[in-house]
Amino acid sequence: MKSHESPTISTLLVLALFIFLSKTEIEARFLQEICSSSCGELNKITYPFRLTTDPVECGDPDYQLSCQDNKPILEFHSGQYFVKQISYDRHLIRLVDVNLASGSCNLPHSSVSVDEVKYDNRYGGLVSSTFASFFRCSSEINDQAYRKVPCLSGNDSHVYVSYGTYVISDLQGSCSFISRVPTIYQAVWYPSYESILKLMASGFDLEWSVECRDCIADGGSCTLSSLGTPNIYECHFSGIYVPTLVSTIFYAILDVC
């Protein structure tokens, strides 16, 4: 009599993946139909995003937006940002600081640090973006990398903004850091203040990854595997890695084997 071999882990993984994807696709389509909201010019707000007024089963609480005066707003750390666009194919959300959206002279609503963006597990970081940094100096400086902010400068206090990777240690005189805001990247050297205003008003792109967030929450580390639409990430656990899409299934199978 021919003996029957126990299913291998790979066989179980493929079977579980097939069942999971079929179930997930059905659920996603259902939720997309019943959980699609809008705010102002931003239509079809769907998973993982949700509005505060949506039913509790819609979207993910980590990606919650509010609708204020018919404008969609994302609270990111201590800042508030208008949502200009959401690309579900590329997993990108275009944001602009609420104080800078009009393109008028102003400071950002709040400062965001490089580490706050880099280590926020909900998001994969900035895409084609840099930072604009604001400084206050007690005396005027003569450096084309720093542009005076006219509406905030006076006889005894001078506010400057720099675009890109300039650091305060390069400044002359007594200067202090005020705030920093992500800004869309453009290959331009020493842009004028008016150009910086337009760049800040254009906003910046932030990538999101629900899978990476879940991977890190489970004790793994998430790394970029390949560029695509959207990008593909891998979830690593103690030297073993699997695509983030199937990492939860893989380790659930290991637990029962």
C-alpha atoms as a PDB file:
ATOM      1  CA  MET A   1       0.000   0.000   0.000  1.00  0.00           C
ATOM      2  CA  LYS A   2       1.333   3.385  -0.972  1.00  0.00           C
ATOM      3  CA  SER A   3       1.971   5.639   2.011  1.00  0.00           C
ATOM      4  CA  HIS A   4       0.639   9.173   2.089  1.00  0.00           C
ATOM      5  CA  GLU A   5       3.151  11.908   2.849  1.00  0.00           C
ATOM      6  CA  SER A   6       2.215  14.834   5.030  1.00  0.00           C
ATOM      7  CA  PRO A   7       1.727  18.109   3.185  1.00  0.00           C
ATOM      8  CA  THR A   8       4.879  20.203   3.110  1.00  0.00           C
ATOM      9  CA  ILE A   9       5.026  23.711   4.492  1.00  0.00           C
ATOM     10  CA  SER A  10       5.288  25.089   0.947  1.00  0.00           C
ATOM     11  CA  THR A  11       2.126  23.242  -0.107  1.00  0.00           C
ATOM     12  CA  LEU A  12       0.246  24.551   2.895  1.00  0.00           C
ATOM     13  CA  LEU A  13       1.560  28.027   2.193  1.00  0.00           C
ATOM     14  CA  VAL A  14       0.349  28.005  -1.417  1.00  0.00           C
ATOM     15  CA  LEU A  15      -3.057  26.670  -0.397  1.00  0.00           C
ATOM     16  CA  ALA A  16      -3.429  29.182   2.409  1.00  0.00           C
ATOM     17  CA  LEU A  17      -2.315  31.995   0.126  1.00  0.00           C
ATOM     18  CA  PHE A  18      -4.892  31.055  -2.514  1.00  0.00           C
ATOM     19  CA  ILE A  19      -7.690  30.954   0.048  1.00  0.00           C
ATOM     20  CA  PHE A  20      -6.502  34.178   1.647  1.00  0.00           C
ATOM     21  CA  LEU A  21      -6.268  36.090  -1.631  1.00  0.00           C
ATOM     22  CA  SER A  22      -9.693  34.910  -2.787  1.00  0.00           C
ATOM     23  CA  LYS A  23     -11.286  35.880   0.515  1.00  0.00           C
ATOM     24  CA  THR A  24      -9.381  39.160   0.683  1.00  0.00           C
ATOM     25  CA  GLU A  25     -10.336  40.143  -2.865  1.00  0.00           C
ATOM     26  CA  ILE A  26     -14.021  39.537  -2.176  1.00  0.00           C
ATOM     27  CA  GLU A  27     -13.889  41.462   1.103  1.00  0.00           C
ATOM     28  CA  ALA A  28     -11.912  44.320  -0.456  1.00  0.00           C
ATOM     29  CA  ARG A  29     -14.387  44.707  -3.313  1.00  0.00           C
ATOM     30  CA  PHE A  30     -17.316  44.636  -0.901  1.00  0.00           C
ATOM     31  CA  LEU A  31     -15.774  47.191   1.440  1.00  0.00           C
ATOM     32  CA  GLN A  32     -14.718  49.371  -1.489  1.00  0.00           C
ATOM     33  CA  GLU A  33     -18.324  49.584  -2.628  1.00  0.00           C
ATOM     34  CA  ILE A  34     -19.865  50.332   0.755  1.00  0.00           C
ATOM     35  CA  CYS A  35     -16.913  52.291   2.174  1.00  0.00           C
ATOM     36  CA  SER A  36     -16.221  55.008  -0.330  1.00  0.00           C
ATOM     37  CA  SER A  37     -16.529  58.573   0.897  1.00  0.00           C
ATOM     38  CA  SER A  38     -15.531  61.998  -0.334  1.00  0.00           C
ATOM     39  CA  CYS A  39     -14.537  65.402   0.994  1.00  0.00           C
ATOM     40  CA  GLY A  40     -14.410  68.437  -1.239  1.00  0.00           C
ATOM     41  CA  GLU A  41     -12.519  67.633  -4.426  1.00  0.00           C
ATOM     42  CA  LEU A  42     -11.108  64.390  -3.001  1.00  0.00           C
ATOM     43  CA  ASN A  43     -13.397  61.616  -4.214  1.00  0.00           C
ATOM     44  CA  LYS A  44     -13.453  57.873  -3.525  1.00  0.00           C
ATOM     45  CA  ILE A  45     -11.675  57.802  -0.179  1.00  0.00           C
ATOM     46  CA  THR A  46     -11.266  54.054   0.344  1.00  0.00           C
ATOM     47  CA  TYR A  47      -9.181  51.526   2.278  1.00  0.00           C
ATOM     48  CA  PRO A  48      -6.844  51.987   4.027  1.00  0.00           C
ATOM     49  CA  PHE A  49      -8.016  55.586   4.423  1.00  0.00           C
ATOM     50  CA  ARG A  50     -11.219  56.607   6.113  1.00  0.00           C
ATOM     51  CA  LEU A  51     -12.995  59.734   7.280  1.00  0.00           C
ATOM     52  CA  THR A  52     -13.839  60.320  10.930  1.00  0.00           C
ATOM     53  CA  THR A  53     -17.510  60.201   9.926  1.00  0.00           C
ATOM     54  CA  ASP A  54     -17.273  56.802   8.182  1.00  0.00           C
ATOM     55  CA  PRO A  55     -18.749  53.645   9.752  1.00  0.00           C
ATOM     56  CA  VAL A  56     -16.318  51.899  12.124  1.00  0.00           C
ATOM     57  CA  GLU A  57     -15.813  48.946   9.764  1.00  0.00           C
ATOM     58  CA  CYS A  58     -14.470  51.205   7.027  1.00  0.00           C
ATOM     59  CA  GLY A  59     -10.778  51.814   6.475  1.00  0.00           C
ATOM     60  CA  ASP A  60      -7.985  51.631   9.040  1.00  0.00           C
ATOM     61  CA  PRO A  61      -7.830  53.910  12.119  1.00  0.00           C
ATOM     62  CA  ASP A  62      -4.117  54.533  11.486  1.00  0.00           C
ATOM     63  CA  TYR A  63      -5.018  56.213   8.184  1.00  0.00           C
ATOM     64  CA  GLN A  64      -7.860  58.423   9.313  1.00  0.00           C
ATOM     65  CA  LEU A  65      -8.682  61.759   7.695  1.00  0.00           C
ATOM     66  CA  SER A  66     -10.977  64.529   8.831  1.00  0.00           C
ATOM     67  CA  CYS A  67     -13.114  66.747   6.621  1.00  0.00           C
ATOM     68  CA  GLN A  68     -12.967  70.376   7.756  1.00  0.00           C
ATOM     69  CA  ASP A  69     -14.635  73.142   5.770  1.00  0.00           C
ATOM     70  CA  ASN A  70     -14.955  70.695   2.889  1.00  0.00           C
ATOM     71  CA  LYS A  71     -11.199  70.041   2.883  1.00  0.00           C
ATOM     72  CA  PRO A  72      -9.616  66.650   3.701  1.00  0.00           C
ATOM     73  CA  ILE A  73      -6.977  66.882   6.442  1.00  0.00           C
ATOM     74  CA  LEU A  74      -4.427  64.373   7.700  1.00  0.00           C
ATOM     75  CA  GLU A  75      -2.896  64.873  11.136  1.00  0.00           C
ATOM     76  CA  PHE A  76       0.696  63.676  10.868  1.00  0.00           C
ATOM     77  CA  HIS A  77       2.508  63.864  14.196  1.00  0.00           C
ATOM     78  CA  SER A  78       1.838  67.406  15.440  1.00  0.00           C
ATOM     79  CA  GLY A  79       1.160  68.862  11.991  1.00  0.00           C
ATOM     80  CA  GLN A  80      -1.967  69.273   9.905  1.00  0.00           C
ATOM     81  CA  TYR A  81      -1.874  68.720   6.162  1.00  0.00           C
ATOM     82  CA  PHE A  82      -4.389  69.143   3.385  1.00  0.00           C
ATOM     83  CA  VAL A  83      -4.740  65.988   1.287  1.00  0.00           C
ATOM     84  CA  LYS A  84      -4.364  67.004  -2.346  1.00  0.00           C
ATOM     85  CA  GLN A  85      -4.389  63.559  -3.924  1.00  0.00           C
ATOM     86  CA  ILE A  86      -4.337  59.841  -3.114  1.00  0.00           C
ATOM     87  CA  SER A  87      -2.821  57.382  -5.600  1.00  0.00           C
ATOM     88  CA  TYR A  88      -4.037  53.911  -4.638  1.00  0.00           C
ATOM     89  CA  ASP A  89      -2.034  52.319  -7.454  1.00  0.00           C
ATOM     90  CA  ARG A  90       1.267  53.787  -6.256  1.00  0.00           C
ATOM     91  CA  HIS A  91       0.411  53.900  -2.535  1.00  0.00           C
ATOM     92  CA  LEU A  92       1.187  57.625  -2.409  1.00  0.00           C
ATOM     93  CA  ILE A  93      -0.627  60.440  -0.653  1.00  0.00           C
ATOM     94  CA  ARG A  94       0.114  64.055  -1.637  1.00  0.00           C
ATOM     95  CA  LEU A  95       0.069  66.408   1.364  1.00  0.00           C
ATOM     96  CA  VAL A  96       0.618  70.120   1.903  1.00  0.00           C
ATOM     97  CA  ASP A  97       0.973  71.988   5.195  1.00  0.00           C
ATOM     98  CA  VAL A  98      -2.271  73.856   5.950  1.00  0.00           C
ATOM     99  CA  ASN A  99      -0.369  77.120   6.507  1.00  0.00           C
ATOM    100  CA  LEU A 100       1.500  76.886   3.208  1.00  0.00           C
ATOM    101  CA  ALA A 101      -1.176  75.617   0.821  1.00  0.00           C
ATOM    102  CA  SER A 102      -2.164  79.076  -0.406  1.00  0.00           C
ATOM    103  CA  GLY A 103       1.392  79.949  -1.401  1.00  0.00           C
ATOM    104  CA  SER A 104       1.444  83.024   0.831  1.00  0.00           C
ATOM    105  CA  CYS A 105       4.170  84.085   3.254  1.00  0.00           C
ATOM    106  CA  ASN A 106       3.901  82.039   6.448  1.00  0.00           C
ATOM    107  CA  LEU A 107       5.534  79.503   8.759  1.00  0.00           C
ATOM    108  CA  PRO A 108       4.505  75.837   8.669  1.00  0.00           C
ATOM    109  CA  HIS A 109       1.667  74.799  10.985  1.00  0.00           C
ATOM    110  CA  SER A 110       4.128  72.566  12.804  1.00  0.00           C
ATOM    111  CA  SER A 111       7.662  71.277  12.430  1.00  0.00           C
ATOM    112  CA  VAL A 112       8.309  67.668  11.457  1.00  0.00           C
ATOM    113  CA  SER A 113      11.690  66.053  11.953  1.00  0.00           C
ATOM    114  CA  VAL A 114      13.488  63.716   9.579  1.00  0.00           C
ATOM    115  CA  ASP A 115      13.259  60.914  12.160  1.00  0.00           C
ATOM    116  CA  GLU A 116       9.504  61.369  12.585  1.00  0.00           C
ATOM    117  CA  VAL A 117       9.048  60.703   8.887  1.00  0.00           C
ATOM    118  CA  LYS A 118      11.686  57.963   8.678  1.00  0.00           C
ATOM    119  CA  TYR A 119      10.547  55.908  11.666  1.00  0.00           C
ATOM    120  CA  ASP A 120       6.780  56.187  11.302  1.00  0.00           C
ATOM    121  CA  ASN A 121       5.822  52.555  10.674  1.00  0.00           C
ATOM    122  CA  ARG A 122       2.586  53.495   8.933  1.00  0.00           C
ATOM    123  CA  TYR A 123       4.472  55.043   6.049  1.00  0.00           C
ATOM    124  CA  GLY A 124       7.407  54.086   3.864  1.00  0.00           C
ATOM    125  CA  GLY A 125       8.871  57.580   3.838  1.00  0.00           C
ATOM    126  CA  LEU A 126       9.009  60.550   1.503  1.00  0.00           C
ATOM    127  CA  VAL A 127       9.100  60.049  -2.260  1.00  0.00           C
ATOM    128  CA  SER A 128      10.961  62.550  -4.477  1.00  0.00           C
ATOM    129  CA  SER A 129      10.867  65.043  -1.635  1.00  0.00           C
ATOM    130  CA  THR A 130      13.232  67.089   0.513  1.00  0.00           C
ATOM    131  CA  PHE A 131      12.821  69.621   3.339  1.00  0.00           C
ATOM    132  CA  ALA A 132      12.468  73.372   3.660  1.00  0.00           C
ATOM    133  CA  SER A 133      13.909  74.655   6.945  1.00  0.00           C
ATOM    134  CA  PHE A 134      13.207  77.957   8.697  1.00  0.00           C
ATOM    135  CA  PHE A 135      15.685  79.872  10.882  1.00  0.00           C
ATOM    136  CA  ARG A 136      15.613  83.066  12.925  1.00  0.00           C
ATOM    137  CA  CYS A 137      18.756  85.190  13.082  1.00  0.00           C
ATOM    138  CA  SER A 138      19.575  88.277  15.136  1.00  0.00           C
ATOM    139  CA  SER A 139      21.546  89.779  12.260  1.00  0.00           C
ATOM    140  CA  GLU A 140      21.268  89.653   8.500  1.00  0.00           C
ATOM    141  CA  ILE A 141      23.236  87.022   6.605  1.00  0.00           C
ATOM    142  CA  ASN A 142      24.497  87.104   3.049  1.00  0.00           C
ATOM    143  CA  ASP A 143      24.165  83.585   1.676  1.00  0.00           C
ATOM    144  CA  GLN A 144      22.189  82.670  -1.449  1.00  0.00           C
ATOM    145  CA  ALA A 145      21.285  79.308   0.101  1.00  0.00           C
ATOM    146  CA  TYR A 146      19.093  81.162   2.618  1.00  0.00           C
ATOM    147  CA  ARG A 147      16.182  83.327   1.521  1.00  0.00           C
ATOM    148  CA  LYS A 148      14.635  85.974   3.752  1.00  0.00           C
ATOM    149  CA  VAL A 149      10.968  85.526   4.697  1.00  0.00           C
ATOM    150  CA  PRO A 150       9.768  89.142   4.333  1.00  0.00           C
ATOM    151  CA  CYS A 151       6.519  88.956   6.312  1.00  0.00           C
ATOM    152  CA  LEU A 152       8.317  87.572   9.379  1.00  0.00           C
ATOM    153  CA  SER A 153      11.449  89.722   9.338  1.00  0.00           C
ATOM    154  CA  GLY A 154      12.026  93.093  11.006  1.00  0.00           C
ATOM    155  CA  ASN A 155      14.845  95.350  12.123  1.00  0.00           C
ATOM    156  CA  ASP A 156      15.958  93.147  15.015  1.00  0.00           C
ATOM    157  CA  SER A 157      14.874  89.708  13.837  1.00  0.00           C
ATOM    158  CA  HIS A 158      15.410  88.080  10.479  1.00  0.00           C
ATOM    159  CA  VAL A 159      13.705  84.861   9.377  1.00  0.00           C
ATOM    160  CA  TYR A 160      15.200  82.769   6.591  1.00  0.00           C
ATOM    161  CA  VAL A 161      14.178  79.611   4.756  1.00  0.00           C
ATOM    162  CA  SER A 162      16.546  77.145   3.107  1.00  0.00           C
ATOM    163  CA  TYR A 163      15.574  74.530   0.555  1.00  0.00           C
ATOM    164  CA  GLY A 164      17.344  71.178   0.599  1.00  0.00           C
ATOM    165  CA  THR A 165      20.079  69.777   2.810  1.00  0.00           C
ATOM    166  CA  TYR A 166      21.602  72.960   4.171  1.00  0.00           C
ATOM    167  CA  VAL A 167      22.420  72.948   7.886  1.00  0.00           C
ATOM    168  CA  ILE A 168      22.407  75.697  10.479  1.00  0.00           C
ATOM    169  CA  SER A 169      26.108  75.172  11.221  1.00  0.00           C
ATOM    170  CA  ASP A 170      26.809  76.821   7.871  1.00  0.00           C
ATOM    171  CA  LEU A 171      25.162  80.051   9.001  1.00  0.00           C
ATOM    172  CA  GLN A 172      26.973  83.129  10.197  1.00  0.00           C
ATOM    173  CA  GLY A 173      25.795  85.090  13.210  1.00  0.00           C
ATOM    174  CA  SER A 174      23.400  84.086  15.952  1.00  0.00           C
ATOM    175  CA  CYS A 175      20.698  81.908  14.383  1.00  0.00           C
ATOM    176  CA  SER A 176      18.213  79.431  15.816  1.00  0.00           C
ATOM    177  CA  PHE A 177      16.129  76.739  14.177  1.00  0.00           C
ATOM    178  CA  ILE A 178      12.368  77.383  13.921  1.00  0.00           C
ATOM    179  CA  SER A 179      10.749  74.596  11.937  1.00  0.00           C
ATOM    180  CA  ARG A 180      11.057  72.186   9.049  1.00  0.00           C
ATOM    181  CA  VAL A 181       8.496  70.970   6.517  1.00  0.00           C
ATOM    182  CA  PRO A 182       8.704  68.277   3.802  1.00  0.00           C
ATOM    183  CA  THR A 183       8.654  69.718   0.293  1.00  0.00           C
ATOM    184  CA  ILE A 184       8.551  68.253  -3.188  1.00  0.00           C
ATOM    185  CA  TYR A 185      12.040  67.850  -4.642  1.00  0.00           C
ATOM    186  CA  GLN A 186      13.169  69.843  -7.650  1.00  0.00           C
ATOM    187  CA  ALA A 187      16.689  69.854  -9.056  1.00  0.00           C
ATOM    188  CA  VAL A 188      17.329  73.556  -8.671  1.00  0.00           C
ATOM    189  CA  TRP A 189      20.238  75.336  -6.990  1.00  0.00           C
ATOM    190  CA  TYR A 190      19.465  78.174  -4.596  1.00  0.00           C
ATOM    191  CA  PRO A 191      15.835  78.832  -5.567  1.00  0.00           C
ATOM    192  CA  SER A 192      14.376  82.262  -4.868  1.00  0.00           C
ATOM    193  CA  TYR A 193      11.954  82.781  -1.991  1.00  0.00           C
ATOM    194  CA  GLU A 194       9.067  82.971  -4.448  1.00  0.00           C
ATOM    195  CA  SER A 195      10.129  79.632  -5.959  1.00  0.00           C
ATOM    196  CA  ILE A 196      10.364  78.039  -2.507  1.00  0.00           C
ATOM    197  CA  LEU A 197       6.837  79.273  -1.749  1.00  0.00           C
ATOM    198  CA  LYS A 198       5.544  77.525  -4.870  1.00  0.00           C
ATOM    199  CA  LEU A 199       7.420  74.325  -4.034  1.00  0.00           C
ATOM    200  CA  MET A 200       6.026  74.257  -0.495  1.00  0.00           C
ATOM    201  CA  ALA A 201       2.515  74.936  -1.813  1.00  0.00           C
ATOM    202  CA  SER A 202       2.907  71.970  -4.177  1.00  0.00           C
ATOM    203  CA  GLY A 203       3.185  69.692  -1.150  1.00  0.00           C
ATOM    204  CA  PHE A 204       5.049  66.398  -0.888  1.00  0.00           C
ATOM    205  CA  ASP A 205       4.440  62.706  -1.528  1.00  0.00           C
ATOM    206  CA  LEU A 206       4.298  60.237   1.352  1.00  0.00           C
ATOM    207  CA  GLU A 207       4.245  56.499   0.686  1.00  0.00           C
ATOM    208  CA  TRP A 208       2.138  54.217   2.865  1.00  0.00           C
ATOM    209  CA  SER A 209       2.461  50.493   3.551  1.00  0.00           C
ATOM    210  CA  VAL A 210      -0.075  48.691   5.729  1.00  0.00           C
ATOM    211  CA  GLU A 211       1.907  45.482   5.254  1.00  0.00           C
ATOM    212  CA  CYS A 212       5.128  47.010   6.596  1.00  0.00           C
ATOM    213  CA  ARG A 213       3.295  48.465   9.565  1.00  0.00           C
ATOM    214  CA  ASP A 214       1.864  45.038  10.401  1.00  0.00           C
ATOM    215  CA  CYS A 215       5.245  43.371   9.843  1.00  0.00           C
ATOM    216  CA  ILE A 216       6.996  45.682  12.303  1.00  0.00           C
ATOM    217  CA  ALA A 217       4.148  45.352  14.805  1.00  0.00           C
ATOM    218  CA  ASP A 218       4.710  41.568  14.731  1.00  0.00           C
ATOM    219  CA  GLY A 219       8.399  42.004  15.545  1.00  0.00           C
ATOM    220  CA  GLY A 220       9.822  41.868  12.021  1.00  0.00           C
ATOM    221  CA  SER A 221      11.750  44.347   9.922  1.00  0.00           C
ATOM    222  CA  CYS A 222      10.477  45.619   6.584  1.00  0.00           C
ATOM    223  CA  THR A 223      12.798  46.372   3.660  1.00  0.00           C
ATOM    224  CA  LEU A 224      12.305  47.432   0.063  1.00  0.00           C
ATOM    225  CA  SER A 225      12.543  44.466  -2.313  1.00  0.00           C
ATOM    226  CA  SER A 226      11.855  46.068  -5.684  1.00  0.00           C
ATOM    227  CA  LEU A 227      10.499  49.266  -7.175  1.00  0.00           C
ATOM    228  CA  GLY A 228       7.107  49.035  -8.768  1.00  0.00           C
ATOM    229  CA  THR A 229       3.516  50.250  -8.750  1.00  0.00           C
ATOM    230  CA  PRO A 230       3.326  49.994  -5.820  1.00  0.00           C
ATOM    231  CA  ASN A 231       6.766  49.153  -4.409  1.00  0.00           C
ATOM    232  CA  ILE A 232       7.309  45.596  -3.156  1.00  0.00           C
ATOM    233  CA  TYR A 233       8.540  45.078   0.409  1.00  0.00           C
ATOM    234  CA  GLU A 234       9.878  42.069   2.291  1.00  0.00           C
ATOM    235  CA  CYS A 235       9.236  41.220   5.918  1.00  0.00           C
ATOM    236  CA  HIS A 236      12.239  39.737   7.750  1.00  0.00           C
ATOM    237  CA  PHE A 237      12.065  37.550  10.853  1.00  0.00           C
ATOM    238  CA  SER A 238      15.395  36.337  12.278  1.00  0.00           C
ATOM    239  CA  GLY A 239      17.054  35.930   8.893  1.00  0.00           C
ATOM    240  CA  ILE A 240      13.967  34.515   7.148  1.00  0.00           C
ATOM    241  CA  TYR A 241      12.106  36.759   4.770  1.00  0.00           C
ATOM    242  CA  VAL A 242       8.849  36.518   2.876  1.00  0.00           C
ATOM    243  CA  PRO A 243       6.846  39.069   0.897  1.00  0.00           C
ATOM    244  CA  THR A 244       4.875  41.251   3.290  1.00  0.00           C
ATOM    245  CA  LEU A 245       1.632  40.119   1.702  1.00  0.00           C
ATOM    246  CA  VAL A 246       2.103  36.530   2.875  1.00  0.00           C
ATOM    247  CA  SER A 247       4.210  36.992   6.016  1.00  0.00           C
ATOM    248  CA  THR A 248       1.274  36.631   8.380  1.00  0.00           C
ATOM    249  CA  ILE A 249       0.133  33.415   6.685  1.00  0.00           C
ATOM    250  CA  PHE A 250       3.649  31.975   6.643  1.00  0.00           C
ATOM    251  CA  TYR A 251       4.205  32.336  10.349  1.00  0.00           C
ATOM    252  CA  ALA A 252       0.700  31.199  11.198  1.00  0.00           C
ATOM    253  CA  ILE A 253       1.477  27.950   9.351  1.00  0.00           C
ATOM    254  CA  LEU A 254       4.799  27.558  11.169  1.00  0.00           C
ATOM    255  CA  ASP A 255       2.948  27.828  14.460  1.00  0.00           C
ATOM    256  CA  VAL A 256       0.773  24.811  13.690  1.00  0.00           C
ATOM    257  CA  CYS A 257       3.382  22.634  11.967  1.00  0.00           C
END
